[in-house]
Amino acid sequence: MDKTMKSTPKLLLSFFMLLFIYGCHDDRDDVLVASGELEIKNFIWRAMNDMYLYKADVPNLADDRFANQEELNEFLRSYSSPEELFYEGLVADFDDFSFLVQDYRALEKLLDGINTSNGMQYGVVAYPPGSQNVVGYVRYVLPNTSAEEQGVKRGDLFNSIDGVELNRENYSRLLQQQSYTIGMAEFTEGEIIATGETINLQKEEYTTNPVYIATTFETTNATVGYLMYNGFTGTFDDVLNNTFAYFKAEGVQELIVDLRYNGGGSVETASDLASMITGQFTGEIFSKEQWNEEYQNLLESTAPESLVNLFDDKIRTGAAINSLGLGKVYFITTLRTASASELVINGLKPYIDVIQVGENTTGKFQASTTLYDSPNFRRNGANTGHSYAVQPLIYKSLNVNNVTDYSEGLSPDVEIKEDFTDLGVLGDPNEPLLAAVLSLIEGRTSEMSVKNGIFEVLGESSNYDLLHQMMYTEDPDLPGTSKVEF
């Protein structure tokens, strides 16, 4: 892949991140004396040289690449900006997930589930298939947002923004505005027809609760819990744990975890979710970590326990985990199911029966962390002259049986694709993907109605989220200091 093409999406995200930064972070009093660009570039190189998972694949990061500081400085000056240095000079060609931010405080807010949103979570498809025309469809709507207030709902279609008909070239730009008006449409006899109705949507700062739906169903043979979980956000671990307390109180015997729109998040939260589903494996290995060669050797010799994540009996707040003790779990997945979501599925497979319904997952098995400009790359003691931070991939995840490298995704046991013309209502037992799982639970597989969509999904609202398909670990206990000294 051309490196310029590879870096473009992240550079665009950096631009939209700036809009978020200056909309939400006017207080920059902790920046005392502005750092020069060379100092910032030097930090970026040292951070990547130290901890980047794919260091061995980037010649510019080799410990012996530069004989002295002046040679390194000359290399750093050859790039016009910190962003160009990072994306063009220090990231492996095949790495689409490592990124750089100009303000780590905005990143920290995103990690806490705080962003700007109008509440409309959408997908965009080419219609008719292969054409230049596109149509947006609403996947779900966040509560207490502009979209909810305006009556937008799952399954709604729109084919224009501010009066401009959507096509492959303009939809991304038009949908990134702070405020815009969608032109509604409907699917009639195989055609997309504008209805003439318009709805204005306004983005505002918003905190997203990843527990979107939690309910139970009574089937012919079991009480079934259903959880639609849209992000592994650590600040909402107590909400997730309380959801499992509810499932326990309801006597749930079978569990469906809907991860169809879950792009990932915290490794610790993923481990806790797996522990909530089970509970009988406390202290056993949930997942393993494989770092770059230097760190792997260091950790194996000095802190081997840090290379494993265990099934736990407490969440990060210290509260006891509410576990169901299940020997089987059902997951709903799509191509948007990534990172920490895949970690849970892969981590549970050696221990219990895992039934996956939907589509192949994304295929992301690496974790990242935030590196700051401090002696050990932690936030404490960070350089006050700038607020850049690096979010590189630092290790790949394996389950207890060493299964990893699932770059093509995790394959479903029953394949069903969402069809934007027949989405159904999330949480309703007749919604196509949920209905398929309930049929499996009741043993009615012969009655399953499987409809696989053929539409090309071009984009979605989460594409413009810097944390899209991200799996991260918080403050790993590591030496974190560059080994290269000049």
Protein backbone atom coordinates (compact mmCIF):
# COMPACT_ATOMS: atom_id res chain seq x y z
CA MET A 1 0.00 0.00 0.00
CA ASP A 2 1.22 3.47 -0.85
CA LYS A 3 2.33 5.15 2.38
CA THR A 4 0.73 8.45 1.43
CA MET A 5 -2.57 6.71 0.86
CA LYS A 6 -2.17 4.78 4.10
CA SER A 7 -1.56 7.89 6.16
CA THR A 8 -4.34 10.02 4.70
CA PRO A 9 -7.22 8.69 6.87
CA LYS A 10 -5.23 9.22 10.07
CA LEU A 11 -4.18 12.70 8.98
CA LEU A 12 -7.83 13.54 8.35
CA LEU A 13 -8.66 12.18 11.78
CA SER A 14 -5.96 14.40 13.24
CA PHE A 15 -7.71 17.39 11.65
CA PHE A 16 -11.09 16.44 13.09
CA MET A 17 -9.39 15.77 16.42
CA LEU A 18 -8.16 19.36 16.37
CA LEU A 19 -11.74 20.57 15.95
CA PHE A 20 -12.67 18.53 19.01
CA ILE A 21 -9.64 19.75 20.97
CA TYR A 22 -10.30 23.43 20.50
CA GLY A 23 -14.00 22.99 21.02
CA CYS A 24 -13.53 21.24 24.34
CA HIS A 25 -10.10 22.24 25.66
CA ASP A 26 -9.58 25.95 26.02
CA ASP A 27 -7.49 25.51 29.16
CA ARG A 28 -3.89 25.04 28.07
CA ASP A 29 -2.33 26.66 31.15
CA ASP A 30 -0.15 23.62 31.84
CA VAL A 31 1.85 24.34 28.66
CA LEU A 32 4.58 26.62 30.01
CA VAL A 33 7.23 27.10 27.33
CA ALA A 34 6.42 25.83 23.87
CA SER A 35 8.66 23.02 22.64
CA GLY A 36 10.39 23.28 19.30
CA GLU A 37 9.36 20.93 16.53
CA LEU A 38 12.68 19.07 16.67
CA GLU A 39 12.13 18.30 20.35
CA ILE A 40 8.68 16.89 19.60
CA LYS A 41 10.01 14.79 16.72
CA ASN A 42 12.80 13.47 18.93
CA PHE A 43 10.23 12.31 21.50
CA ILE A 44 8.19 10.58 18.81
CA TRP A 45 11.21 8.71 17.45
CA ARG A 46 12.36 7.60 20.91
CA ALA A 47 8.90 6.41 21.90
CA MET A 48 8.57 4.34 18.73
CA ASN A 49 12.15 3.07 18.98
CA ASP A 50 11.42 1.88 22.49
CA MET A 51 8.03 0.21 22.46
CA TYR A 52 6.62 -0.17 18.94
CA LEU A 53 5.49 -3.74 18.26
CA TYR A 54 6.75 -3.67 14.67
CA LYS A 55 10.06 -1.93 15.36
CA ALA A 56 11.97 -4.66 13.51
CA ASP A 57 9.98 -3.89 10.34
CA VAL A 58 10.94 -0.20 10.28
CA PRO A 59 14.65 0.37 9.45
CA ASN A 60 14.47 3.96 10.71
CA LEU A 61 13.79 2.64 14.23
CA ALA A 62 16.81 0.34 14.46
CA ASP A 63 19.03 1.04 17.48
CA ASP A 64 22.07 1.39 15.21
CA ARG A 65 20.32 3.45 12.51
CA PHE A 66 22.02 6.68 13.63
CA ALA A 67 25.58 7.06 14.89
CA ASN A 68 24.90 10.15 16.98
CA GLN A 69 22.27 12.71 17.91
CA GLU A 70 23.16 15.00 15.02
CA GLU A 71 22.51 12.20 12.50
CA LEU A 72 19.17 11.57 14.16
CA ASN A 73 18.37 15.29 14.11
CA GLU A 74 19.17 15.49 10.40
CA PHE A 75 16.76 12.63 9.77
CA LEU A 76 14.05 14.26 11.88
CA ARG A 77 14.45 17.60 10.09
CA SER A 78 13.89 15.89 6.74
CA TYR A 79 10.19 15.57 7.59
CA SER A 80 8.03 18.67 7.40
CA SER A 81 5.98 17.93 10.51
CA PRO A 82 5.67 15.50 13.42
CA GLU A 83 2.73 13.92 11.60
CA GLU A 84 4.70 13.32 8.42
CA LEU A 85 7.57 11.85 10.43
CA PHE A 86 5.26 9.47 12.25
CA TYR A 87 3.08 8.24 9.40
CA GLU A 88 5.64 8.32 6.58
CA GLY A 89 8.83 7.44 8.42
CA LEU A 90 8.13 5.41 11.55
CA VAL A 91 5.01 3.28 11.04
CA ALA A 92 5.18 -0.09 9.29
CA ASP A 93 3.50 -0.22 5.88
CA PHE A 94 0.96 -2.79 7.07
CA ASP A 95 0.04 -0.95 10.28
CA ASP A 96 -3.24 0.95 9.91
CA PHE A 97 -3.85 1.33 13.64
CA SER A 98 -1.00 3.24 15.32
CA PHE A 99 -1.60 6.98 15.50
CA LEU A 100 -0.33 10.32 16.77
CA VAL A 101 -2.32 13.07 18.53
CA GLN A 102 -1.53 16.73 19.07
CA ASP A 103 -3.38 16.96 22.40
CA TYR A 104 -3.38 13.96 24.70
CA ARG A 105 -6.05 15.51 26.94
CA ALA A 106 -8.59 15.24 24.15
CA LEU A 107 -7.50 11.63 23.59
CA GLU A 108 -8.00 10.91 27.28
CA LYS A 109 -11.54 12.25 27.05
CA LEU A 110 -12.22 9.97 24.11
CA LEU A 111 -10.90 7.00 26.10
CA ASP A 112 -13.41 7.92 28.82
CA GLY A 113 -16.23 7.80 26.28
CA ILE A 114 -16.52 11.58 25.79
CA ASN A 115 -16.69 12.90 22.23
CA THR A 116 -18.82 15.11 20.01
CA SER A 117 -21.88 13.50 18.48
CA ASN A 118 -25.33 14.25 17.13
CA GLY A 119 -26.35 10.75 18.18
CA MET A 120 -26.94 9.30 14.71
CA GLN A 121 -24.84 6.17 14.21
CA TYR A 122 -24.99 5.37 10.51
CA GLY A 123 -23.63 3.35 7.65
CA VAL A 124 -23.23 4.45 4.03
CA VAL A 125 -23.76 2.12 1.07
CA ALA A 126 -23.56 2.44 -2.69
CA TYR A 127 -26.99 2.12 -4.21
CA PRO A 128 -27.66 0.74 -6.71
CA PRO A 129 -24.67 -1.54 -5.99
CA GLY A 130 -21.58 -0.32 -7.83
CA SER A 131 -22.97 3.11 -8.61
CA GLN A 132 -21.58 6.51 -7.64
CA ASN A 133 -24.73 7.33 -5.69
CA VAL A 134 -24.80 6.52 -2.00
CA VAL A 135 -27.44 6.35 0.70
CA GLY A 136 -27.01 6.61 4.44
CA TYR A 137 -28.92 4.36 6.80
CA VAL A 138 -29.33 4.73 10.56
CA ARG A 139 -28.00 1.82 12.60
CA TYR A 140 -29.00 3.17 15.99
CA VAL A 141 -29.52 6.44 17.84
CA LEU A 142 -27.86 7.46 21.10
CA PRO A 143 -30.20 8.62 23.88
CA ASN A 144 -30.48 12.28 24.86
CA THR A 145 -28.95 13.55 21.63
CA SER A 146 -30.00 15.77 18.76
CA ALA A 147 -30.92 12.74 16.66
CA GLU A 148 -33.20 11.31 19.34
CA GLU A 149 -34.84 14.68 19.92
CA GLN A 150 -35.53 14.98 16.18
CA GLY A 151 -37.10 11.53 16.01
CA VAL A 152 -34.38 9.79 14.00
CA LYS A 153 -34.62 6.02 14.36
CA ARG A 154 -32.93 2.81 13.24
CA GLY A 155 -33.70 2.00 9.63
CA ASP A 156 -34.19 5.61 8.53
CA LEU A 157 -32.60 6.42 5.16
CA PHE A 158 -31.11 9.68 3.91
CA ASN A 159 -29.63 10.52 0.52
CA SER A 160 -28.69 14.20 0.81
CA ILE A 161 -26.95 16.60 3.18
CA ASP A 162 -27.83 20.31 3.14
CA GLY A 163 -29.63 19.76 -0.15
CA VAL A 164 -26.63 18.10 -1.84
CA GLU A 165 -27.23 14.57 -3.11
CA LEU A 166 -24.73 12.13 -1.63
CA ASN A 167 -22.14 10.36 -3.78
CA ARG A 168 -18.88 8.51 -3.24
CA GLU A 169 -16.85 11.71 -3.45
CA ASN A 170 -18.75 14.01 -1.09
CA TYR A 171 -20.48 12.00 1.64
CA SER A 172 -17.50 11.90 4.00
CA ARG A 173 -16.92 15.67 3.92
CA LEU A 174 -20.60 16.52 4.29
CA LEU A 175 -21.13 14.22 7.26
CA GLN A 176 -18.19 15.65 9.23
CA GLN A 177 -19.77 19.07 9.70
CA GLN A 178 -20.72 20.18 13.20
CA SER A 179 -24.28 20.82 12.03
CA TYR A 180 -26.04 19.56 8.93
CA THR A 181 -29.49 18.77 7.56
CA ILE A 182 -30.23 15.29 6.26
CA GLY A 183 -32.70 14.76 3.44
CA MET A 184 -34.80 11.68 4.21
CA ALA A 185 -35.48 8.91 1.71
CA GLU A 186 -37.29 5.61 1.49
CA PHE A 187 -36.78 2.29 -0.25
CA THR A 188 -39.67 1.73 -2.66
CA GLU A 189 -39.86 -1.07 -5.24
CA GLY A 190 -36.09 -1.37 -5.41
CA GLU A 191 -35.41 2.36 -5.65
CA ILE A 192 -34.27 5.04 -3.20
CA ILE A 193 -36.78 7.87 -3.34
CA ALA A 194 -36.39 11.21 -1.54
CA THR A 195 -39.39 11.94 0.69
CA GLY A 196 -38.88 15.71 0.90
CA GLU A 197 -38.58 15.57 4.70
CA THR A 198 -35.46 17.16 6.23
CA ILE A 199 -34.00 16.91 9.73
CA ASN A 200 -31.34 19.21 11.18
CA LEU A 201 -28.76 17.59 13.46
CA GLN A 202 -26.29 19.32 15.78
CA LYS A 203 -23.19 17.73 17.32
CA GLU A 204 -22.43 18.37 20.99
CA GLU A 205 -20.07 16.97 23.59
CA TYR A 206 -21.50 13.64 24.65
CA THR A 207 -20.60 10.82 27.04
CA THR A 208 -21.48 7.42 25.58
CA ASN A 209 -22.70 4.62 27.81
CA PRO A 210 -21.55 1.46 25.98
CA VAL A 211 -24.29 -0.67 27.56
CA TYR A 212 -26.93 0.10 24.94
CA ILE A 213 -29.52 -2.61 25.63
CA ALA A 214 -29.85 -5.12 28.47
CA THR A 215 -32.97 -7.25 28.64
CA THR A 216 -34.19 -10.83 28.99
CA PHE A 217 -36.43 -13.13 26.98
CA GLU A 218 -38.37 -16.20 28.06
CA THR A 219 -38.00 -18.94 25.46
CA THR A 220 -39.45 -22.44 25.44
CA ASN A 221 -36.44 -23.83 27.26
CA ALA A 222 -34.52 -21.03 29.01
CA THR A 223 -34.35 -17.49 30.34
CA VAL A 224 -32.13 -15.68 27.86
CA GLY A 225 -30.14 -12.55 28.63
CA TYR A 226 -29.44 -10.11 25.81
CA LEU A 227 -26.71 -7.47 26.04
CA MET A 228 -25.95 -5.02 23.27
CA TYR A 229 -22.53 -3.68 24.19
CA ASN A 230 -20.95 -1.04 21.95
CA GLY A 231 -17.54 -0.27 23.45
CA PHE A 232 -15.10 -1.48 26.11
CA THR A 233 -15.01 1.81 28.04
CA GLY A 234 -13.31 1.42 31.43
CA THR A 235 -15.18 4.27 33.10
CA PHE A 236 -18.42 2.31 32.60
CA ASP A 237 -17.21 -1.00 34.05
CA ASP A 238 -19.54 -0.56 37.02
CA VAL A 239 -22.51 -0.19 34.66
CA LEU A 240 -21.49 -3.38 32.86
CA ASN A 241 -21.08 -5.21 36.16
CA ASN A 242 -24.49 -4.02 37.36
CA THR A 243 -25.97 -5.35 34.14
CA PHE A 244 -24.70 -8.80 35.01
CA ALA A 245 -26.14 -8.42 38.51
CA TYR A 246 -29.48 -7.86 36.77
CA PHE A 247 -28.96 -10.96 34.62
CA LYS A 248 -28.18 -13.02 37.73
CA ALA A 249 -31.28 -11.74 39.51
CA GLU A 250 -33.38 -12.68 36.47
CA GLY A 251 -31.98 -16.23 36.50
CA VAL A 252 -30.39 -16.02 33.06
CA GLN A 253 -29.45 -19.44 31.71
CA GLU A 254 -28.38 -18.48 28.19
CA LEU A 255 -26.62 -15.26 27.16
CA ILE A 256 -26.44 -13.35 23.89
CA VAL A 257 -23.75 -10.65 23.70
CA ASP A 258 -24.33 -8.37 20.72
CA LEU A 259 -21.01 -6.90 19.58
CA ARG A 260 -22.07 -6.06 16.02
CA TYR A 261 -21.06 -2.38 16.37
CA ASN A 262 -18.37 -2.77 19.04
CA GLY A 263 -14.99 -1.63 17.71
CA GLY A 264 -13.03 -2.40 20.89
CA GLY A 265 -11.50 -0.59 23.84
CA SER A 266 -9.89 -1.52 27.14
CA VAL A 267 -8.11 -4.87 27.54
CA GLU A 268 -8.92 -4.87 31.25
CA THR A 269 -12.62 -4.39 30.54
CA ALA A 270 -12.49 -7.22 27.99
CA SER A 271 -11.01 -9.53 30.62
CA ASP A 272 -13.70 -8.48 33.08
CA LEU A 273 -16.51 -9.13 30.59
CA ALA A 274 -15.16 -12.63 29.99
CA SER A 275 -15.08 -13.13 33.76
CA MET A 276 -18.69 -11.93 34.07
CA ILE A 277 -19.82 -14.41 31.44
CA THR A 278 -18.02 -17.26 33.20
CA GLY A 279 -16.74 -16.92 36.78
CA GLN A 280 -15.42 -20.46 37.15
CA PHE A 281 -11.96 -19.69 35.76
CA THR A 282 -10.69 -17.01 38.16
CA GLY A 283 -6.89 -16.89 38.14
CA GLU A 284 -6.54 -18.80 34.87
CA ILE A 285 -5.07 -17.27 31.72
CA PHE A 286 -7.53 -15.26 29.65
CA SER A 287 -4.97 -13.88 27.19
CA LYS A 288 -1.23 -13.58 26.60
CA GLU A 289 0.85 -10.72 25.26
CA GLN A 290 3.66 -10.82 22.69
CA TRP A 291 5.75 -7.63 22.50
CA ASN A 292 8.63 -6.63 20.25
CA GLU A 293 11.67 -8.85 20.65
CA GLU A 294 13.52 -6.60 23.09
CA TYR A 295 10.58 -6.07 25.41
CA GLN A 296 9.52 -9.69 25.19
CA ASN A 297 12.95 -10.86 26.32
CA LEU A 298 13.03 -8.25 29.08
CA LEU A 299 9.60 -9.14 30.44
CA GLU A 300 10.14 -12.88 30.22
CA SER A 301 13.26 -12.52 32.36
CA THR A 302 12.10 -9.87 34.84
CA ALA A 303 8.29 -9.89 35.04
CA PRO A 304 6.76 -12.89 33.24
CA GLU A 305 3.49 -12.40 35.13
CA SER A 306 2.95 -9.14 33.23
CA LEU A 307 2.69 -11.06 29.96
CA VAL A 308 -0.62 -12.68 30.88
CA ASN A 309 -4.09 -11.32 31.62
CA LEU A 310 -6.12 -13.48 33.98
CA PHE A 311 -9.79 -14.12 34.52
CA ASP A 312 -10.59 -11.88 37.48
CA ASP A 313 -13.09 -11.68 40.32
CA LYS A 314 -13.05 -7.87 40.69
CA ILE A 315 -13.48 -4.91 38.34
CA ARG A 316 -11.04 -1.99 38.44
CA THR A 317 -13.03 -0.23 41.18
CA GLY A 318 -12.51 -3.21 43.48
CA ALA A 319 -16.15 -4.29 43.31
CA ALA A 320 -16.77 -8.03 43.08
CA ILE A 321 -17.60 -9.26 39.60
CA ASN A 322 -21.14 -10.48 39.06
CA SER A 323 -20.60 -13.68 37.10
CA LEU A 324 -23.06 -16.07 35.49
CA GLY A 325 -20.92 -19.22 35.46
CA LEU A 326 -21.99 -20.10 31.92
CA GLY A 327 -20.57 -22.91 29.82
CA LYS A 328 -21.86 -21.44 26.57
CA VAL A 329 -22.28 -17.94 25.14
CA TYR A 330 -23.64 -16.54 21.88
CA PHE A 331 -22.00 -13.56 20.16
CA ILE A 332 -23.51 -11.45 17.38
CA THR A 333 -20.73 -10.06 15.18
CA THR A 334 -20.23 -8.08 11.97
CA LEU A 335 -17.28 -6.67 10.07
CA ARG A 336 -17.37 -3.81 12.59
CA THR A 337 -16.66 -6.15 15.53
CA ALA A 338 -13.00 -5.54 16.35
CA SER A 339 -10.10 -5.54 18.78
CA ALA A 340 -11.25 -6.01 22.38
CA SER A 341 -14.46 -7.63 21.08
CA GLU A 342 -12.39 -10.21 19.23
CA LEU A 343 -10.18 -10.59 22.30
CA VAL A 344 -13.19 -11.70 24.36
CA ILE A 345 -14.32 -14.21 21.73
CA ASN A 346 -10.83 -15.62 21.18
CA GLY A 347 -10.05 -15.68 24.90
CA LEU A 348 -13.21 -17.60 25.81
CA LYS A 349 -13.02 -20.24 23.07
CA PRO A 350 -10.59 -22.56 24.90
CA TYR A 351 -12.83 -22.60 27.98
CA ILE A 352 -16.51 -22.66 26.97
CA ASP A 353 -18.70 -23.17 23.91
CA VAL A 354 -18.69 -19.96 21.86
CA ILE A 355 -21.36 -19.66 19.18
CA GLN A 356 -20.82 -16.77 16.76
CA VAL A 357 -23.66 -15.51 14.56
CA GLY A 358 -23.39 -12.79 11.93
CA GLU A 359 -20.32 -11.92 9.88
CA ASN A 360 -16.56 -12.30 10.03
CA THR A 361 -15.04 -9.87 12.51
CA THR A 362 -12.48 -7.20 11.58
CA GLY A 363 -9.33 -9.15 12.39
CA LYS A 364 -7.43 -6.91 14.81
CA PHE A 365 -5.44 -8.63 17.54
CA GLN A 366 -2.95 -5.92 18.59
CA ALA A 367 -3.14 -3.58 21.58
CA SER A 368 -1.82 -0.04 21.93
CA THR A 369 -1.06 2.35 24.76
CA THR A 370 -0.56 6.10 25.13
CA LEU A 371 3.07 7.22 25.27
CA TYR A 372 3.82 10.69 26.63
CA ASP A 373 6.97 12.81 26.43
CA SER A 374 8.38 11.89 29.84
CA PRO A 375 11.44 9.88 30.93
CA ASN A 376 9.40 6.66 31.13
CA PHE A 377 6.73 7.67 28.58
CA ARG A 378 4.06 7.84 31.29
CA ARG A 379 1.78 10.81 31.84
CA ASN A 380 3.34 11.82 35.16
CA GLY A 381 6.21 14.18 34.41
CA ALA A 382 5.20 14.76 30.79
CA ASN A 383 6.92 17.63 28.99
CA THR A 384 4.82 20.76 29.58
CA GLY A 385 6.08 22.36 26.37
CA HIS A 386 3.70 20.41 24.15
CA SER A 387 0.81 17.96 24.37
CA TYR A 388 1.68 15.45 21.63
CA ALA A 389 1.28 11.77 22.45
CA VAL A 390 1.91 8.58 20.50
CA GLN A 391 -0.54 5.65 20.46
CA PRO A 392 1.48 2.82 18.89
CA LEU A 393 0.67 -0.86 18.72
CA ILE A 394 2.76 -2.44 21.48
CA TYR A 395 1.80 -6.10 21.62
CA LYS A 396 -0.33 -8.71 19.95
CA SER A 397 -2.78 -10.80 21.92
CA LEU A 398 -2.94 -14.60 22.06
CA ASN A 399 -5.39 -16.86 23.86
CA VAL A 400 -4.25 -19.59 26.25
CA ASN A 401 -3.79 -21.93 23.27
CA ASN A 402 -1.61 -19.31 21.50
CA VAL A 403 -4.21 -18.52 18.82
CA THR A 404 -3.52 -15.10 17.29
CA ASP A 405 -2.87 -13.44 13.90
CA TYR A 406 -6.51 -13.74 12.84
CA SER A 407 -6.06 -10.96 10.30
CA GLU A 408 -9.01 -12.25 8.24
CA GLY A 409 -11.25 -12.04 11.29
CA LEU A 410 -13.04 -14.63 13.40
CA SER A 411 -15.52 -16.61 11.31
CA PRO A 412 -19.14 -17.04 12.41
CA ASP A 413 -20.77 -20.41 12.96
CA VAL A 414 -23.90 -19.05 11.30
CA GLU A 415 -23.39 -16.35 8.66
CA ILE A 416 -26.00 -13.60 8.41
CA LYS A 417 -25.41 -10.07 7.13
CA GLU A 418 -27.38 -6.99 8.04
CA ASP A 419 -29.59 -5.70 5.24
CA PHE A 420 -30.14 -1.95 5.37
CA THR A 421 -33.56 -2.41 3.76
CA ASP A 422 -34.71 -4.71 6.59
CA LEU A 423 -32.81 -3.86 9.77
CA GLY A 424 -35.54 -4.50 12.32
CA VAL A 425 -35.60 -3.04 15.84
CA LEU A 426 -32.59 -3.67 18.08
CA GLY A 427 -33.54 -5.76 21.10
CA ASP A 428 -36.73 -6.99 19.45
CA PRO A 429 -36.83 -10.81 19.18
CA ASN A 430 -37.83 -10.44 15.52
CA GLU A 431 -34.73 -8.41 14.60
CA PRO A 432 -33.02 -10.68 12.03
CA LEU A 433 -29.71 -11.40 13.78
CA LEU A 434 -31.22 -11.70 17.25
CA ALA A 435 -34.01 -13.89 15.88
CA ALA A 436 -31.41 -16.22 14.37
CA VAL A 437 -29.70 -16.68 17.74
CA LEU A 438 -33.00 -17.25 19.55
CA SER A 439 -33.83 -19.90 16.94
CA LEU A 440 -30.53 -21.63 17.70
CA ILE A 441 -31.22 -21.56 21.43
CA GLU A 442 -34.68 -23.05 20.91
CA GLY A 443 -33.43 -25.62 18.41
CA ARG A 444 -35.52 -24.15 15.59
CA THR A 445 -32.70 -23.88 13.04
CA SER A 446 -34.94 -25.19 10.26
CA GLU A 447 -37.13 -22.11 10.76
CA MET A 448 -34.28 -19.63 10.49
CA SER A 449 -34.75 -17.05 7.76
CA VAL A 450 -31.28 -16.05 6.62
CA LYS A 451 -31.07 -13.01 4.33
CA ASN A 452 -27.60 -11.97 3.32
CA GLY A 453 -27.21 -8.42 2.04
CA ILE A 454 -25.18 -7.74 -1.09
CA PHE A 455 -24.66 -4.04 -0.53
CA GLU A 456 -21.21 -2.49 -0.46
CA VAL A 457 -20.69 -0.58 2.79
CA LEU A 458 -18.52 2.43 1.96
CA GLY A 459 -18.27 4.05 5.36
CA GLU A 460 -19.83 4.55 8.76
CA SER A 461 -19.96 7.08 11.57
CA SER A 462 -17.28 5.27 13.59
CA ASN A 463 -14.74 5.69 10.76
CA TYR A 464 -14.21 9.24 12.00
CA ASP A 465 -13.64 8.18 15.60
CA LEU A 466 -9.93 8.21 16.43
CA LEU A 467 -10.49 5.13 18.63
CA HIS A 468 -12.16 3.15 15.83
CA GLN A 469 -11.12 -0.54 16.08
CA MET A 470 -8.78 0.21 18.97
CA MET A 471 -7.69 -2.11 21.78
CA TYR A 472 -5.66 -0.41 24.46
CA THR A 473 -3.96 -1.10 27.74
CA GLU A 474 -3.75 1.52 30.47
CA ASP A 475 -0.32 2.38 31.90
CA PRO A 476 1.54 -0.92 31.49
CA ASP A 477 4.09 -1.38 34.28
CA LEU A 478 7.21 -1.20 32.13
CA PRO A 479 10.62 0.44 32.22
CA GLY A 480 9.57 2.59 29.24
CA THR A 481 12.80 4.47 28.65
CA SER A 482 14.63 4.64 25.36
CA LYS A 483 17.65 2.36 25.27
CA VAL A 484 19.40 4.47 22.64
CA GLU A 485 21.74 7.03 24.14
CA PHE A 486 24.00 9.33 22.14
